[in-house]
Amino acid sequence: MFSAASNGDEGAAKIVDQAIQALGTAVKALIYMVDPGKIVLYGSLFEDSYYLSRLNSELQEGVDTRHHVVIEKSRYNQQLEDRAACLLAVQDFMDNGGIQ
């Protein structure tokens, strides 16, 4: 989907932009509920500078100055599959409804 959007597919770009808005809304809710000092973004989406900057812009809207949250891309982005196999086991467990 991200590739199609990056290659000019307007329908895909609209869907991806809606996903970024939804992700931004969810992260802002997290900021207000948990008030973390840092949020680390992990995943292939954040390798694309356009979408990373769109998300950062989305996150700047509506967060008041009392919440000082550092938002950065993981330095291990797209490497944890090799370095943290237990995360994949947990993900597989959750993908299967949490039942084994």
Protein backbone atom coordinates (compact mmCIF):
# COMPACT_ATOMS: atom_id res chain seq x y z
CA MET A 1 0.00 0.00 0.00
CA PHE A 2 2.79 2.41 0.94
CA SER A 3 4.67 1.62 -2.23
CA ALA A 4 1.59 2.27 -4.38
CA ALA A 5 0.95 5.55 -2.57
CA SER A 6 4.58 6.59 -3.00
CA ASN A 7 4.34 5.76 -6.71
CA GLY A 8 1.41 8.11 -7.28
CA ASP A 9 -1.66 5.95 -6.69
CA GLU A 10 -4.10 8.57 -5.38
CA GLY A 11 -6.49 6.01 -3.90
CA ALA A 12 -3.68 4.31 -1.99
CA ALA A 13 -2.30 7.69 -0.88
CA LYS A 14 -5.69 8.65 0.52
CA ILE A 15 -5.92 5.38 2.47
CA VAL A 16 -2.38 5.78 3.79
CA ASP A 17 -3.05 9.39 4.80
CA GLN A 18 -6.17 8.25 6.69
CA ALA A 19 -4.07 5.56 8.41
CA ILE A 20 -1.48 8.17 9.40
CA GLN A 21 -4.23 10.39 10.82
CA ALA A 22 -5.63 7.44 12.80
CA LEU A 23 -2.17 6.50 14.06
CA GLY A 24 -1.55 10.12 15.02
CA THR A 25 -4.84 10.23 16.92
CA ALA A 26 -3.97 7.02 18.77
CA VAL A 27 -0.47 8.23 19.67
CA LYS A 28 -1.85 11.56 20.91
CA ALA A 29 -4.35 9.70 23.09
CA LEU A 30 -1.45 7.66 24.46
CA ILE A 31 0.46 10.86 25.19
CA TYR A 32 -2.45 12.25 27.20
CA MET A 33 -3.19 8.99 29.04
CA VAL A 34 0.34 7.81 29.84
CA ASP A 35 2.42 11.01 29.45
CA PRO A 36 5.56 9.18 28.29
CA GLY A 37 8.88 10.94 28.01
CA LYS A 38 9.70 9.21 24.74
CA ILE A 39 7.94 7.34 21.96
CA VAL A 40 10.03 5.14 19.67
CA LEU A 41 8.56 4.41 16.24
CA TYR A 42 9.32 1.01 14.73
CA GLY A 43 8.32 -0.35 11.34
CA SER A 44 8.77 0.01 7.60
CA LEU A 45 6.36 2.96 7.47
CA PHE A 46 8.91 5.06 9.32
CA GLU A 47 11.62 4.35 6.74
CA ASP A 48 9.73 6.54 4.26
CA SER A 49 10.64 10.16 5.03
CA TYR A 50 7.37 11.51 3.58
CA TYR A 51 5.17 9.41 5.84
CA LEU A 52 7.43 9.92 8.85
CA SER A 53 7.23 13.69 8.38
CA ARG A 54 3.42 13.48 7.86
CA LEU A 55 3.08 11.56 11.12
CA ASN A 56 5.31 14.04 12.93
CA SER A 57 3.17 16.89 11.59
CA GLU A 58 0.02 15.07 12.68
CA LEU A 59 1.49 14.59 16.16
CA GLN A 60 2.32 18.28 16.51
CA GLU A 61 -1.33 19.26 16.09
CA GLY A 62 -3.34 19.26 19.29
CA VAL A 63 -0.68 18.29 21.84
CA ASP A 64 -0.30 21.02 24.44
CA THR A 65 3.06 22.31 25.65
CA ARG A 66 2.80 20.54 29.02
CA HIS A 67 3.52 17.25 27.29
CA HIS A 68 7.18 17.21 26.27
CA VAL A 69 7.51 13.93 24.39
CA VAL A 70 10.52 12.97 22.31
CA ILE A 71 9.37 11.06 19.23
CA GLU A 72 12.05 9.24 17.29
CA LYS A 73 12.51 6.39 14.86
CA SER A 74 14.02 3.22 16.35
CA ARG A 75 17.69 2.75 15.63
CA TYR A 76 16.83 -0.96 15.30
CA ASN A 77 14.12 -0.33 12.72
CA GLN A 78 13.48 -3.48 10.68
CA GLN A 79 16.19 -5.38 12.57
CA LEU A 80 14.29 -6.77 15.57
CA GLU A 81 13.02 -9.74 13.61
CA ASP A 82 16.60 -11.01 13.71
CA ARG A 83 17.43 -9.76 17.19
CA ALA A 84 14.28 -10.41 19.18
CA ALA A 85 12.63 -13.62 18.03
CA CYS A 86 10.52 -13.72 21.19
CA LEU A 87 8.67 -10.65 19.90
CA LEU A 88 7.69 -12.60 16.83
CA ALA A 89 6.39 -15.44 19.01
CA VAL A 90 4.25 -12.99 20.99
CA GLN A 91 3.01 -11.38 17.76
CA ASP A 92 2.10 -14.78 16.33
CA PHE A 93 0.26 -15.63 19.55
CA MET A 94 -1.73 -12.38 19.38
CA ASP A 95 -2.40 -12.74 15.64
CA ASN A 96 -3.99 -16.11 16.40
CA GLY A 97 -6.38 -14.63 18.91
CA GLY A 98 -4.19 -15.23 21.94
CA ILE A 99 -5.04 -18.93 21.94
CA GLN A 100 -2.59 -21.75 21.32
